Amino acid sequence: MTRRSQGCRSARWHACANNSNNELEEVIFKARPTLLFVKVGYALAALGGILFVALLAYLGLPWFIALPLGLALLLIPAYYHLRRNTILYTLTDSKIEIDHVWLPNHT
């Protein structure tokens, strides 16, 4: 549940309970932080995972142990990807709202 959804109706025009004279606010757009750094993180983790598995294979570790360890490096950018998806910026005609959405509503 978002902080905004407790006091406002989610629509193109919405009225907030904390607004003193109940004026309508126009939602101009909603956006999330850029995905560019997450994609770079995935690419670096994949490259690092390949190099890590190659190093472990060179040291004589069996592949069924080295491969999961290399894939575990993908958990780092996955964490930042999930964290990115919990932030929502909303620009209205009078303010900028930053919501930390833990359960996104995709309706």
C-alpha atoms as a PDB file:
ATOM      1  CA  MET A   1       0.000   0.000   0.000  1.00  0.00           C
ATOM      2  CA  THR A   2       1.392   3.385  -0.902  1.00  0.00           C
ATOM      3  CA  ARG A   3       1.432   6.378   1.334  1.00  0.00           C
ATOM      4  CA  ARG A   4      -0.523   8.360  -1.242  1.00  0.00           C
ATOM      5  CA  SER A   5      -3.257   5.757  -1.642  1.00  0.00           C
ATOM      6  CA  GLN A   6      -4.306   6.188   1.979  1.00  0.00           C
ATOM      7  CA  GLY A   7      -5.438   9.774   1.484  1.00  0.00           C
ATOM      8  CA  CYS A   8      -5.915  10.173  -2.277  1.00  0.00           C
ATOM      9  CA  ARG A   9      -7.837   8.544  -5.061  1.00  0.00           C
ATOM     10  CA  SER A  10      -5.556   7.267  -7.823  1.00  0.00           C
ATOM     11  CA  ALA A  11      -6.668   8.755 -11.134  1.00  0.00           C
ATOM     12  CA  ARG A  12      -5.629  11.383 -13.639  1.00  0.00           C
ATOM     13  CA  TRP A  13      -7.305  13.955 -11.411  1.00  0.00           C
ATOM     14  CA  HIS A  14      -7.282  13.300  -7.708  1.00  0.00           C
ATOM     15  CA  ALA A  15      -8.139  15.160  -4.559  1.00  0.00           C
ATOM     16  CA  CYS A  16      -6.003  14.688  -1.460  1.00  0.00           C
ATOM     17  CA  ALA A  17      -7.370  14.646   2.053  1.00  0.00           C
ATOM     18  CA  ASN A  18      -4.526  16.861   3.267  1.00  0.00           C
ATOM     19  CA  ASN A  19      -5.443  19.534   0.707  1.00  0.00           C
ATOM     20  CA  SER A  20      -7.256  22.268   2.668  1.00  0.00           C
ATOM     21  CA  ASN A  21      -9.820  23.342   0.049  1.00  0.00           C
ATOM     22  CA  ASN A  22     -10.045  19.989  -1.821  1.00  0.00           C
ATOM     23  CA  GLU A  23      -8.716  21.341  -5.108  1.00  0.00           C
ATOM     24  CA  LEU A  24      -8.136  18.800  -7.838  1.00  0.00           C
ATOM     25  CA  GLU A  25      -4.552  18.085  -8.854  1.00  0.00           C
ATOM     26  CA  GLU A  26      -3.664  17.007 -12.365  1.00  0.00           C
ATOM     27  CA  VAL A  27      -1.214  14.099 -12.604  1.00  0.00           C
ATOM     28  CA  ILE A  28       1.182  15.063 -15.379  1.00  0.00           C
ATOM     29  CA  PHE A  29       3.170  11.810 -15.426  1.00  0.00           C
ATOM     30  CA  LYS A  30       4.467   8.945 -13.326  1.00  0.00           C
ATOM     31  CA  ALA A  31       7.973   7.526 -13.715  1.00  0.00           C
ATOM     32  CA  ARG A  32      10.465   5.189 -12.120  1.00  0.00           C
ATOM     33  CA  PRO A  33      14.235   5.670 -11.807  1.00  0.00           C
ATOM     34  CA  THR A  34      16.317   4.806 -14.850  1.00  0.00           C
ATOM     35  CA  LEU A  35      17.000   1.169 -15.681  1.00  0.00           C
ATOM     36  CA  LEU A  36      20.347   1.970 -17.348  1.00  0.00           C
ATOM     37  CA  PHE A  37      22.488   1.314 -14.276  1.00  0.00           C
ATOM     38  CA  VAL A  38      20.650  -1.916 -13.512  1.00  0.00           C
ATOM     39  CA  LYS A  39      21.331  -3.171 -17.058  1.00  0.00           C
ATOM     40  CA  VAL A  40      25.013  -2.262 -16.723  1.00  0.00           C
ATOM     41  CA  GLY A  41      25.042  -4.104 -13.395  1.00  0.00           C
ATOM     42  CA  TYR A  42      23.592  -7.231 -15.006  1.00  0.00           C
ATOM     43  CA  ALA A  43      26.195  -7.081 -17.796  1.00  0.00           C
ATOM     44  CA  LEU A  44      29.059  -6.667 -15.325  1.00  0.00           C
ATOM     45  CA  ALA A  45      27.707  -9.447 -13.097  1.00  0.00           C
ATOM     46  CA  ALA A  46      27.415 -11.804 -16.095  1.00  0.00           C
ATOM     47  CA  LEU A  47      30.970 -11.014 -17.183  1.00  0.00           C
ATOM     48  CA  GLY A  48      32.237 -11.359 -13.618  1.00  0.00           C
ATOM     49  CA  GLY A  49      30.350 -14.640 -13.237  1.00  0.00           C
ATOM     50  CA  ILE A  50      31.952 -16.078 -16.374  1.00  0.00           C
ATOM     51  CA  LEU A  51      35.416 -15.028 -15.209  1.00  0.00           C
ATOM     52  CA  PHE A  52      34.747 -16.354 -11.699  1.00  0.00           C
ATOM     53  CA  VAL A  53      33.589 -19.754 -13.002  1.00  0.00           C
ATOM     54  CA  ALA A  54      36.637 -19.906 -15.301  1.00  0.00           C
ATOM     55  CA  LEU A  55      38.915 -19.149 -12.346  1.00  0.00           C
ATOM     56  CA  LEU A  56      37.248 -21.796 -10.187  1.00  0.00           C
ATOM     57  CA  ALA A  57      37.504 -24.337 -13.036  1.00  0.00           C
ATOM     58  CA  TYR A  58      41.197 -23.488 -13.414  1.00  0.00           C
ATOM     59  CA  LEU A  59      41.639 -24.138  -9.688  1.00  0.00           C
ATOM     60  CA  GLY A  60      40.001 -27.560 -10.108  1.00  0.00           C
ATOM     61  CA  LEU A  61      36.620 -26.985  -8.507  1.00  0.00           C
ATOM     62  CA  PRO A  62      33.843 -29.129 -10.073  1.00  0.00           C
ATOM     63  CA  TRP A  63      31.423 -27.320 -12.413  1.00  0.00           C
ATOM     64  CA  PHE A  64      28.346 -28.184 -10.328  1.00  0.00           C
ATOM     65  CA  ILE A  65      29.826 -26.141  -7.482  1.00  0.00           C
ATOM     66  CA  ALA A  66      31.419 -23.361  -9.574  1.00  0.00           C
ATOM     67  CA  LEU A  67      28.344 -22.638 -11.698  1.00  0.00           C
ATOM     68  CA  PRO A  68      25.946 -21.802  -8.802  1.00  0.00           C
ATOM     69  CA  LEU A  69      28.632 -19.622  -7.239  1.00  0.00           C
ATOM     70  CA  GLY A  70      29.016 -17.734 -10.505  1.00  0.00           C
ATOM     71  CA  LEU A  71      25.245 -17.365 -10.901  1.00  0.00           C
ATOM     72  CA  ALA A  72      25.039 -16.024  -7.354  1.00  0.00           C
ATOM     73  CA  LEU A  73      26.748 -12.862  -8.615  1.00  0.00           C
ATOM     74  CA  LEU A  74      23.517 -12.058 -10.491  1.00  0.00           C
ATOM     75  CA  LEU A  75      21.773 -11.602  -7.147  1.00  0.00           C
ATOM     76  CA  ILE A  76      23.541  -8.254  -6.667  1.00  0.00           C
ATOM     77  CA  PRO A  77      21.960  -6.459  -9.672  1.00  0.00           C
ATOM     78  CA  ALA A  78      18.684  -8.313  -9.031  1.00  0.00           C
ATOM     79  CA  TYR A  79      18.514  -6.658  -5.599  1.00  0.00           C
ATOM     80  CA  TYR A  80      18.989  -3.203  -7.145  1.00  0.00           C
ATOM     81  CA  HIS A  81      16.429  -4.042  -9.834  1.00  0.00           C
ATOM     82  CA  LEU A  82      13.822  -4.904  -7.199  1.00  0.00           C
ATOM     83  CA  ARG A  83      14.716  -1.823  -5.185  1.00  0.00           C
ATOM     84  CA  ARG A  84      14.331   0.328  -8.324  1.00  0.00           C
ATOM     85  CA  ASN A  85      10.860  -1.087  -8.911  1.00  0.00           C
ATOM     86  CA  THR A  86       9.687   0.018  -5.464  1.00  0.00           C
ATOM     87  CA  ILE A  87      10.188   3.742  -6.182  1.00  0.00           C
ATOM     88  CA  LEU A  88       7.571   5.727  -8.100  1.00  0.00           C
ATOM     89  CA  TYR A  89       7.829   9.426  -8.912  1.00  0.00           C
ATOM     90  CA  THR A  90       4.559  11.267  -9.601  1.00  0.00           C
ATOM     91  CA  LEU A  91       4.579  14.806 -10.988  1.00  0.00           C
ATOM     92  CA  THR A  92       1.369  16.756 -10.441  1.00  0.00           C
ATOM     93  CA  ASP A  93       0.662  20.340 -11.326  1.00  0.00           C
ATOM     94  CA  SER A  94       1.584  21.445  -7.800  1.00  0.00           C
ATOM     95  CA  LYS A  95       4.093  18.940  -6.358  1.00  0.00           C
ATOM     96  CA  ILE A  96       6.341  15.935  -6.831  1.00  0.00           C
ATOM     97  CA  GLU A  97       5.432  12.785  -4.912  1.00  0.00           C
ATOM     98  CA  ILE A  98       7.973  10.059  -4.208  1.00  0.00           C
ATOM     99  CA  ASP A  99       6.279   6.793  -3.289  1.00  0.00           C
ATOM    100  CA  HIS A 100       8.033   3.694  -2.042  1.00  0.00           C
ATOM    101  CA  VAL A 101       5.608   1.088  -3.334  1.00  0.00           C
ATOM    102  CA  TRP A 102       6.125  -2.345  -1.769  1.00  0.00           C
ATOM    103  CA  LEU A 103       3.133  -4.013  -3.413  1.00  0.00           C
ATOM    104  CA  PRO A 104       2.782  -2.510  -6.919  1.00  0.00           C
ATOM    105  CA  ASN A 105      -0.719  -2.237  -8.349  1.00  0.00           C
ATOM    106  CA  HIS A 106      -0.587  -3.173 -12.054  1.00  0.00           C
ATOM    107  CA  THR A 107      -4.213  -2.518 -13.016  1.00  0.00           C
END
